[in-house]
Protein backbone atom coordinates (compact mmCIF):
# COMPACT_ATOMS: atom_id res chain seq x y z
CA MET A 1 49.66 95.89 129.67
CA LYS A 2 47.37 96.67 126.97
CA ILE A 3 44.66 99.60 127.65
CA HIS A 4 41.38 98.55 126.05
CA LYS A 5 38.86 101.10 124.80
CA GLN A 6 36.21 99.31 126.77
CA TRP A 7 38.10 100.31 129.94
CA ILE A 8 38.42 103.64 128.85
CA GLU A 9 34.66 104.09 128.11
CA GLU A 10 34.11 102.73 131.55
CA TRP A 11 36.50 105.44 132.96
CA LEU A 12 34.88 108.27 131.00
CA SER A 13 31.62 107.04 132.51
CA ILE A 14 32.89 107.19 136.22
CA PHE A 15 34.17 110.67 136.08
CA GLY A 16 30.84 111.86 134.20
CA ILE A 17 32.52 112.66 130.99
CA HIS A 18 30.05 112.35 127.95
CA GLY A 19 30.73 111.94 124.15
CA ASN A 20 32.38 109.39 121.80
CA ILE A 21 36.04 108.60 121.99
CA SER A 22 37.62 110.15 118.76
CA ASP A 23 41.06 109.69 119.40
CA ILE A 24 43.30 107.86 122.13
CA LEU A 25 47.20 108.49 122.61
CA GLU A 26 49.53 106.95 125.17
CA PHE A 27 51.86 109.53 126.84
CA LEU A 28 53.70 106.92 128.86
CA HIS A 29 53.61 103.32 129.70
CA LYS A 30 55.99 102.02 132.34
CA ASP A 31 55.81 98.40 133.43
CA GLU A 32 58.66 97.29 135.41
CA GLU A 33 59.59 95.20 138.36
CA ILE A 34 61.50 96.73 141.66
CA ASP A 35 62.24 94.98 144.64
CA GLY A 36 60.33 91.88 143.54
CA GLU A 37 56.99 94.27 142.96
CA ARG A 38 55.43 95.04 139.71
CA GLN A 39 55.26 98.72 139.21
CA ILE A 40 53.03 100.08 136.69
CA ARG A 41 52.26 103.83 135.56
CA ILE A 42 50.16 104.39 132.30
CA ILE A 43 49.24 108.03 131.08
CA THR A 44 46.97 108.08 128.13
CA ALA A 45 45.05 111.14 126.65
CA VAL A 46 41.75 110.56 125.44
CA GLU A 47 39.89 113.07 122.88
CA THR A 48 36.02 113.03 122.97
CA GLU A 49 33.68 115.20 120.65
CA GLU A 50 33.85 117.84 123.36
CA GLU A 51 37.14 117.69 125.17
CA VAL A 52 40.35 115.98 125.88
CA VAL A 53 41.38 114.42 128.99
CA VAL A 54 43.98 112.53 130.46
CA PHE A 55 43.89 109.32 132.56
CA LYS A 56 46.58 108.29 134.96
CA LEU A 57 46.56 104.76 135.86
CA VAL A 58 49.08 103.95 138.92
CA HIS A 59 49.98 100.73 140.46
CA GLU A 60 53.12 101.49 142.48
CA THR A 61 54.25 100.86 146.07
CA MET A 62 55.16 104.19 146.88
CA PHE A 63 51.83 105.88 145.67
CA ALA A 64 48.90 105.09 148.03
CA PRO A 65 45.59 106.11 147.15
CA GLU A 66 45.44 108.48 150.00
CA LEU A 67 48.71 110.36 148.94
CA ILE A 68 47.33 110.60 145.41
CA GLU A 69 44.25 112.11 146.60
CA ALA A 70 46.09 114.44 148.98
CA GLN A 71 48.52 115.71 146.32
CA ILE A 72 45.34 116.33 143.68
CA GLU A 73 43.73 117.98 146.58
CA PHE A 74 46.39 120.47 146.85
CA SER A 75 46.70 121.08 143.00
CA GLN A 76 42.79 122.11 143.18
CA LYS A 77 43.39 124.38 146.13
CA LEU A 78 46.07 126.26 144.43
CA ARG A 79 43.90 126.44 141.10
CA LYS A 80 41.15 128.09 143.27
CA CYS A 81 43.57 130.47 144.24
CA GLY A 82 44.43 131.47 140.68
CA ILE A 83 47.43 129.39 139.96
CA ASN A 84 47.33 128.12 136.35
CA THR A 85 47.09 124.28 136.62
CA THR A 86 45.24 121.45 135.66
CA TYR A 87 41.37 120.81 136.32
CA GLN A 88 40.80 117.62 137.88
CA TYR A 89 37.71 115.41 137.32
CA LYS A 90 36.06 113.80 140.56
CA ALA A 91 34.40 110.38 140.69
CA GLU A 92 31.97 109.44 143.23
CA LYS A 93 34.34 109.54 146.33
CA GLY A 94 37.02 111.74 145.55
CA TYR A 95 39.51 112.61 142.83
CA VAL A 96 41.01 108.69 142.81
CA GLN A 97 38.94 106.16 141.71
CA GLU A 98 40.32 102.43 142.64
CA VAL A 99 39.76 99.91 139.73
CA ILE A 100 40.87 96.16 139.29
CA LEU A 101 42.39 95.32 136.20
CA GLU A 102 44.20 91.95 135.34
CA GLU A 103 43.81 91.03 139.16
CA MET A 104 45.56 94.08 140.14
CA ARG A 105 44.40 97.22 141.78
CA PHE A 106 44.92 100.57 140.43
CA SER A 107 44.47 104.21 141.35
CA LEU A 108 42.81 105.82 138.43
CA THR A 109 42.45 109.69 138.21
CA CYS A 110 41.35 112.02 135.38
CA GLU A 111 41.97 115.62 134.44
CA ALA A 112 41.66 117.99 131.46
CA PHE A 113 44.50 118.39 128.96
CA ILE A 114 46.20 121.75 129.84
CA GLY A 115 48.71 122.23 126.95
CA SER A 116 51.81 121.37 125.22
CA GLU A 117 55.11 122.02 126.71
CA PRO A 118 57.31 124.90 125.46
CA GLU A 119 59.94 124.28 122.68
CA MET A 120 62.71 126.31 124.05
CA LEU A 121 64.21 127.13 127.31
CA THR A 122 64.45 130.75 127.57
CA GLU A 123 65.18 133.81 129.82
CA GLU A 124 61.62 134.83 129.51
CA LEU A 125 60.19 131.25 130.21
CA GLN A 126 62.50 131.12 133.13
CA TYR A 127 61.30 134.52 134.50
CA GLU A 128 57.86 133.15 134.13
CA LEU A 129 58.52 129.70 135.92
CA GLY A 130 60.03 131.51 138.80
CA LYS A 131 57.13 133.96 139.11
CA ALA A 132 54.84 131.29 139.12
CA LEU A 133 56.78 128.86 141.51
CA GLY A 134 56.96 131.95 144.09
CA ARG A 135 53.30 132.29 143.96
CA MET A 136 52.52 128.87 144.55
CA HIS A 137 55.06 128.74 147.52
CA LEU A 138 53.31 132.31 148.80
CA ILE A 139 49.97 130.62 148.74
CA SER A 140 50.85 127.51 150.11
CA GLU A 141 52.84 128.90 152.97
CA THR A 142 50.13 131.56 153.90
CA GLN A 143 47.30 129.03 153.70
CA GLN A 144 49.39 126.69 155.64
CA MET A 145 49.00 124.07 152.99
CA GLU A 146 50.11 120.11 153.83
CA ILE A 147 50.26 116.91 152.08
CA GLY A 148 51.38 114.88 154.89
CA PHE A 149 54.54 113.43 153.09
CA SER A 150 58.27 114.69 152.70
CA ARG A 151 60.95 113.61 150.41
CA VAL A 152 63.85 116.07 150.12
CA TYR A 153 63.13 117.25 153.58
CA HIS A 154 63.76 113.98 155.26
CA GLU A 155 66.79 113.35 152.71
CA VAL A 156 68.33 116.75 154.07
CA MET A 157 67.87 115.75 157.84
CA ASN A 158 69.66 112.34 157.26
CA LYS A 159 72.77 114.62 155.92
CA SER A 160 73.52 112.60 152.85
CA SER A 161 77.63 112.44 152.13
CA TYR A 162 78.87 113.52 148.89
CA ARG A 163 80.37 110.10 148.29
CA LYS A 164 77.41 108.30 147.78
CA ILE A 165 76.93 109.82 144.37
CA TRP A 166 79.76 107.93 143.59
CA GLY A 167 78.48 104.77 144.97
CA ASN A 168 81.43 105.26 147.94
CA GLN A 169 83.96 104.15 145.60
CA TYR A 170 86.65 105.94 143.51
CA PRO A 171 86.05 105.77 139.77
CA ASP A 172 89.18 105.55 137.48
CA TRP A 173 88.61 108.69 135.73
CA VAL A 174 88.38 111.13 138.50
CA ASP A 175 91.14 112.07 141.08
CA LYS A 176 90.82 110.35 144.30
CA GLU A 177 91.98 113.47 146.04
CA TRP A 178 89.36 115.62 144.02
CA ILE A 179 86.38 113.56 145.34
CA ASP A 180 88.12 113.72 148.98
CA ARG A 181 88.38 117.41 148.66
CA ILE A 182 84.75 118.25 147.30
CA THR A 183 83.19 115.39 149.82
CA GLU A 184 84.83 117.71 152.77
CA LYS A 185 83.37 120.70 151.51
CA HIS A 186 79.66 119.30 150.57
CA ASP A 187 79.48 117.35 154.10
CA TYR A 188 80.41 120.32 156.25
CA LEU A 189 77.99 122.62 154.39
CA MET A 190 75.39 119.90 154.96
CA GLY A 191 76.07 120.15 158.26
CA GLU A 192 75.53 123.91 158.28
CA ILE A 193 72.31 123.64 156.42
CA GLN A 194 70.91 120.70 158.66
CA SER A 195 71.11 122.72 161.80
CA LYS A 196 68.98 125.34 160.65
CA TRP A 197 66.71 123.07 158.30
CA THR A 198 63.74 122.86 160.80
CA GLU A 199 63.72 126.65 161.25
CA LEU A 200 63.04 127.31 157.37
CA PRO A 201 59.57 127.92 156.16
CA LYS A 202 57.99 124.86 155.34
CA ALA A 203 54.82 124.01 153.07
CA ALA A 204 53.32 121.75 150.30
CA VAL A 205 55.01 122.21 147.03
CA GLN A 206 54.42 120.46 143.36
CA GLY A 207 58.19 119.28 143.69
CA ASP A 208 58.87 118.37 139.91
CA VAL A 209 58.81 121.46 137.85
CA PHE A 210 62.24 122.30 136.34
CA GLY A 211 63.11 123.29 132.83
CA LEU A 212 60.54 122.30 130.40
CA ASN A 213 59.35 119.57 132.68
CA ASN A 214 55.73 119.87 133.68
CA VAL A 215 55.53 123.08 132.14
CA ALA A 216 52.64 123.69 129.56
CA VAL A 217 51.77 126.73 127.25
CA THR A 218 48.36 127.90 127.39
CA GLU A 219 46.47 130.93 126.11
CA THR A 220 46.97 132.78 129.57
CA GLY A 221 50.52 131.92 130.09
CA ILE A 222 52.64 128.97 131.33
CA ALA A 223 50.82 126.40 133.47
CA ILE A 224 52.31 123.84 135.79
CA TYR A 225 50.86 120.36 135.95
CA ASP A 226 51.49 116.87 137.23
CA TYR A 227 51.72 116.64 141.05
CA ASN A 228 52.66 113.05 141.68
CA LEU A 229 55.85 114.10 143.38
CA ALA A 230 54.20 116.66 145.61
CA SER A 231 55.26 116.72 149.24
CA ASP A 232 56.17 119.10 151.98
CA GLU A 233 59.36 120.93 151.48
CA VAL A 234 61.45 123.80 152.71
CA LEU A 235 60.49 126.45 149.99
CA VAL A 236 63.75 127.99 149.58
CA GLY A 237 65.25 124.50 148.97
CA ASP A 238 62.31 123.83 146.38
CA PHE A 239 62.85 127.19 144.65
CA LEU A 240 66.62 126.24 144.35
CA LEU A 241 66.27 122.52 143.26
CA ALA A 242 63.80 123.68 140.51
CA TRP A 243 66.99 125.53 138.87
CA TYR A 244 69.75 123.02 139.79
CA ARG A 245 67.64 120.17 138.06
CA THR A 246 67.39 122.37 135.17
CA ILE A 247 71.38 122.92 134.66
CA GLY A 248 71.76 118.94 135.81
CA ASP A 249 69.36 117.69 133.09
CA GLN A 250 71.06 116.40 130.24
CA SER A 251 68.19 117.32 127.73
CA MET A 252 68.16 120.88 128.78
CA HIS A 253 71.80 121.43 127.48
CA CYS A 254 71.11 121.98 124.14
CA PHE A 255 69.42 125.43 125.68
CA LEU A 256 72.22 126.00 127.89
CA ASN A 257 75.85 127.18 127.77
CA GLU A 258 78.21 129.09 130.05
CA SER A 259 77.06 132.77 128.79
CA ASN A 260 73.09 132.41 129.00
CA ALA A 261 73.04 129.96 132.12
CA GLU A 262 73.91 132.90 134.35
CA LEU A 263 71.08 135.07 132.55
CA MET A 264 68.73 132.33 132.87
CA TRP A 265 69.38 131.98 136.40
CA LYS A 266 68.93 135.55 137.13
CA ALA A 267 65.97 135.78 135.24
CA TYR A 268 64.43 132.68 136.99
CA ALA A 269 65.29 134.27 140.32
CA ALA A 270 63.82 137.82 139.67
CA GLY A 271 60.64 136.10 138.77
CA TYR A 272 60.30 134.28 142.02
CA LEU A 273 61.58 137.20 144.51
CA GLU A 274 58.92 139.40 142.54
CA SER A 275 56.36 136.92 143.85
CA ARG A 276 57.86 135.58 147.05
CA PRO A 277 60.71 137.75 149.01
CA LEU A 278 63.14 135.45 151.05
CA SER A 279 63.78 135.79 154.72
CA GLU A 280 67.19 136.96 155.93
CA LEU A 281 67.45 133.35 157.19
CA GLU A 282 66.74 131.63 153.79
CA TYR A 283 69.19 134.15 152.19
CA ASN A 284 71.83 132.73 154.55
CA ILE A 285 71.12 129.24 154.30
CA GLY A 286 70.32 129.61 150.35
CA TYR A 287 73.72 130.47 149.70
CA LYS A 288 74.93 127.13 151.11
CA LEU A 289 72.30 125.12 149.13
CA CYS A 290 73.13 126.61 146.02
CA ALA A 291 76.73 125.04 146.47
CA VAL A 292 75.65 121.90 147.63
CA LEU A 293 72.79 121.43 144.98
CA GLY A 294 75.06 122.50 142.37
CA VAL A 295 77.87 119.95 143.04
CA LEU A 296 75.45 117.22 143.32
CA HIS A 297 73.49 117.71 140.13
CA LEU A 298 76.37 118.53 138.12
CA SER A 299 78.27 115.55 139.15
CA LYS A 300 75.26 113.25 138.67
CA LEU A 301 75.13 114.83 135.14
CA ALA A 302 79.08 114.01 134.46
CA ILE A 303 78.23 110.56 135.43
CA GLU A 304 75.59 110.26 132.87
CA LEU A 305 77.90 112.02 130.36
CA LYS A 306 80.72 109.57 131.21
CA GLY A 307 78.10 106.34 130.54
CA ASP A 308 77.34 107.88 127.09
CA GLY A 309 81.11 108.17 126.49
CA ARG A 310 81.55 111.53 126.79
CA GLU A 311 84.12 111.86 129.22
CA ASP A 312 85.76 115.20 127.90
CA TYR A 313 82.36 116.70 128.63
CA ALA A 314 81.82 114.91 132.10
CA LYS A 315 85.26 116.25 133.27
CA GLN A 316 83.96 119.70 132.11
CA CYS A 317 80.94 119.40 134.40
CA LEU A 318 83.12 118.40 137.30
CA GLN A 319 85.03 121.53 136.93
CA ALA A 320 81.92 123.47 136.78
CA ALA A 321 80.71 121.77 139.72
CA GLU A 322 83.87 122.83 141.55
CA ARG A 323 83.26 126.49 140.61
CA ILE A 324 79.65 126.48 141.80
CA MET A 325 81.17 124.69 145.00
CA ASP A 326 83.58 127.65 145.63
CA ARG A 327 81.45 130.31 144.15
CA PRO A 328 77.91 129.52 144.14
CA ARG A 329 75.39 131.31 142.06
CA TRP A 330 73.09 133.17 144.34
CA ILE A 331 70.98 136.49 144.49
CA ARG A 332 72.20 139.48 147.01
CA ASN A 333 69.99 140.36 149.89
C-alpha cells in the first residue's frame, strides 16, 4: 500500500498542523494476511518547516479505534503527571481519526517525534529505564488508571504449560527428559503464581518497553513511547517481563554476556524500587515469576537460535534457562 503525499497533507490538516512538507520517512510498513484478514500497520514520520510528527495508520482486527483511543488517553494522563512520553495531537473528536483508504477503514493517529533510540544497552540506561517504569506504575496504580483490556493477565490466569513453547512436541535436538523436568517445575510454579495472581496490584501499563525497544533519548533524559500494547496488568509482572524480554531478545545479545547481565539486572531493579517499592506479596510471587519468565524467554530465544543454525548457542541458552529456573535472579526483601 503506497502512502501518497496528498493523503499526508490532508492528515496534517485533520490534526491542525501547519507548514509545508519537507521530508517523509517511512519507519514501518506491515501488510499481511492473518486468518484470512488483511492486517496493515504503517508508521510514517513527516517533517514540516516547524516540526516533525509521526502518523500511525492501523487496519488490524485486534485494534479497534476505541482501544487505541484508550491507550493514547492513558499515555497522555502519564504525560500530564510528568512522565517523559510522546505528545499526541487531537483531531475533532479525539486522538483517533477514522479514514477510508482504498476501500478499507483505518485508525489514524498523530504524535510529535520524541527522539531516537539509544545506541547501547548499558547499566545506566537500565537504571533509568527501571526508574521510569517504576514511576509509571506508581502513578497508574495510585490514580487507578485502566484501559479496559488485558493480555498477560489473562494468559497467566489460563496457566499455560511449558510444553506449548515446543508446540507440544519433542524436538530431536533437546532431551525429552529435560523438557519433562522443566515442564513439571514450570507448571507447578505457574499454579502457585495463579493462586495469588488476582491479589496482586494491577493497573494500566505501557506493556512493550524493554532493552532499547520504545525508549528514546531526549534533552531531559530517556522517554517511553508507543502505547499500542498498553493494557491492564499485574505491576510486578510487567516489571519483570520488561527485563526478561530484554535478555530473551536476540538483538540485545550484542550488549549482554554472563558477567554484565547480572549488573544490568541489579541496576534496572534498583531504579524501579527507587520509584516504587514492592509489597511483601509482590516479593513472594516475584521470585517465582522470575523463574517462570526466565525459562520461557530463554527457551524461545534458544528456538530462534536453532532456527538460525546456531545450535551450540541454543543449547547454552537452555542451560541458562535451567539455571534461572533453579536459582532465579531476584532482589532481596
